[in-house]
Amino acid sequence: MARTLEWTVHVYLFEEDGTTKARAVLDTGTSTLTGLGTARCNPEDVDIPAIGDELAAARAMHHITAQLMRAADHDMQEVGSLPPGTQHREAYGWTNAMA
């Protein structure tokens, strides 16, 4: 069975006072996941906005990755692909409390 899908990711960056925040939104066509990331410039370092953008965006996308992995684990368990009693992985990267 051949199939082709296109998922889109939009990354929104906001910078203020040495802190960059990113929001990444993955649209699969059937669901949407949102990841959050933050980067802060050390006051002793040179403020290079591009580095903050890269770090915040990477962290937001990593947050989405964690959500996708948990969804895949859940879906595999639902169809019996995981052995009985196998626990979901606790966390991949940022948990909701960290976001």
Protein backbone atom coordinates (compact mmCIF):
# COMPACT_ATOMS: atom_id res chain seq x y z
CA MET A 1 0.00 0.00 0.00
CA ALA A 2 1.68 3.18 -1.21
CA ARG A 3 0.66 6.50 0.24
CA THR A 4 1.96 10.02 0.42
CA LEU A 5 1.28 12.49 3.21
CA GLU A 6 2.40 16.01 3.87
CA TRP A 7 2.71 17.33 7.39
CA THR A 8 3.49 20.98 7.93
CA VAL A 9 5.33 22.67 10.76
CA HIS A 10 5.15 26.38 11.47
CA VAL A 11 7.61 27.87 13.92
CA TYR A 12 6.84 31.23 15.54
CA LEU A 13 9.64 33.09 17.33
CA PHE A 14 9.30 35.92 19.85
CA GLU A 15 12.31 37.74 21.32
CA GLU A 16 12.38 40.23 24.14
CA ASP A 17 15.10 41.31 26.57
CA GLY A 18 17.50 38.45 25.80
CA THR A 19 14.85 35.73 25.94
CA THR A 20 13.59 33.97 22.83
CA LYS A 21 10.41 31.91 22.91
CA ALA A 22 9.33 29.56 20.16
CA ARG A 23 6.03 27.90 19.40
CA ALA A 24 6.12 25.09 16.83
CA VAL A 25 2.82 23.83 15.42
CA LEU A 26 2.66 20.50 13.59
CA ASP A 27 -0.41 19.97 11.42
CA THR A 28 -0.84 16.37 10.24
CA GLY A 29 -4.12 17.04 8.47
CA THR A 30 -5.98 15.07 11.13
CA SER A 31 -4.44 16.50 14.30
CA THR A 32 -2.31 19.36 15.56
CA LEU A 33 0.51 19.27 18.08
CA THR A 34 2.13 22.32 19.65
CA GLY A 35 5.64 22.46 21.08
CA LEU A 36 7.16 25.21 23.18
CA GLY A 37 10.78 26.21 23.65
CA THR A 38 12.73 28.99 25.36
CA ALA A 39 16.30 30.24 25.13
CA ARG A 40 17.86 32.85 27.37
CA CYS A 41 21.03 34.78 26.69
CA ASN A 42 23.51 34.73 29.55
CA PRO A 43 24.01 38.39 30.54
CA GLU A 44 27.77 37.87 30.27
CA ASP A 45 27.54 36.60 26.66
CA VAL A 46 27.24 38.56 23.45
CA ASP A 47 23.57 38.71 22.42
CA ILE A 48 23.33 36.95 19.05
CA PRO A 49 19.61 36.64 18.25
CA ALA A 50 20.11 33.88 15.66
CA ILE A 51 21.49 31.55 18.35
CA GLY A 52 18.47 32.15 20.57
CA ASP A 53 16.20 31.48 17.58
CA GLU A 54 17.94 28.18 16.85
CA LEU A 55 17.88 27.00 20.45
CA ALA A 56 14.27 27.97 21.12
CA ALA A 57 13.07 26.46 17.83
CA ALA A 58 15.01 23.23 18.41
CA ARG A 59 13.52 22.93 21.90
CA ALA A 60 10.00 23.53 20.58
CA MET A 61 10.44 20.87 17.89
CA HIS A 62 11.93 18.49 20.47
CA HIS A 63 8.77 19.02 22.52
CA ILE A 64 6.71 17.95 19.48
CA THR A 65 8.96 14.91 19.02
CA ALA A 66 8.22 13.81 22.58
CA GLN A 67 4.50 14.12 21.98
CA LEU A 68 4.72 12.10 18.74
CA MET A 69 6.67 9.34 20.47
CA ARG A 70 4.11 9.12 23.28
CA ALA A 71 1.27 9.02 20.72
CA ALA A 72 3.04 6.25 18.78
CA ASP A 73 3.59 4.25 22.00
CA HIS A 74 -0.07 4.67 22.90
CA ASP A 75 -1.26 3.66 19.42
CA MET A 76 1.01 0.59 19.38
CA GLN A 77 -0.29 -0.45 22.77
CA GLU A 78 -3.90 0.02 21.60
CA VAL A 79 -3.39 -2.43 18.72
CA GLY A 80 -1.48 -4.91 20.86
CA SER A 81 1.97 -4.23 19.44
CA LEU A 82 3.57 -3.73 22.85
CA PRO A 83 3.89 -6.67 25.25
CA PRO A 84 1.37 -6.62 28.13
CA GLY A 85 2.58 -4.57 31.06
CA THR A 86 5.05 -2.56 29.01
CA GLN A 87 5.09 0.95 30.39
CA HIS A 88 5.01 4.02 28.24
CA ARG A 89 8.28 5.89 28.22
CA GLU A 90 8.11 8.50 30.94
CA ALA A 91 9.46 11.47 29.03
CA TYR A 92 11.18 12.47 25.86
CA GLY A 93 12.81 15.82 26.34
CA TRP A 94 10.54 18.47 27.80
CA THR A 95 7.58 17.42 29.85
CA ASN A 96 4.52 19.65 30.07
CA ALA A 97 5.80 21.02 33.37
CA MET A 98 8.95 22.24 31.66
CA ALA A 99 7.24 23.85 28.67
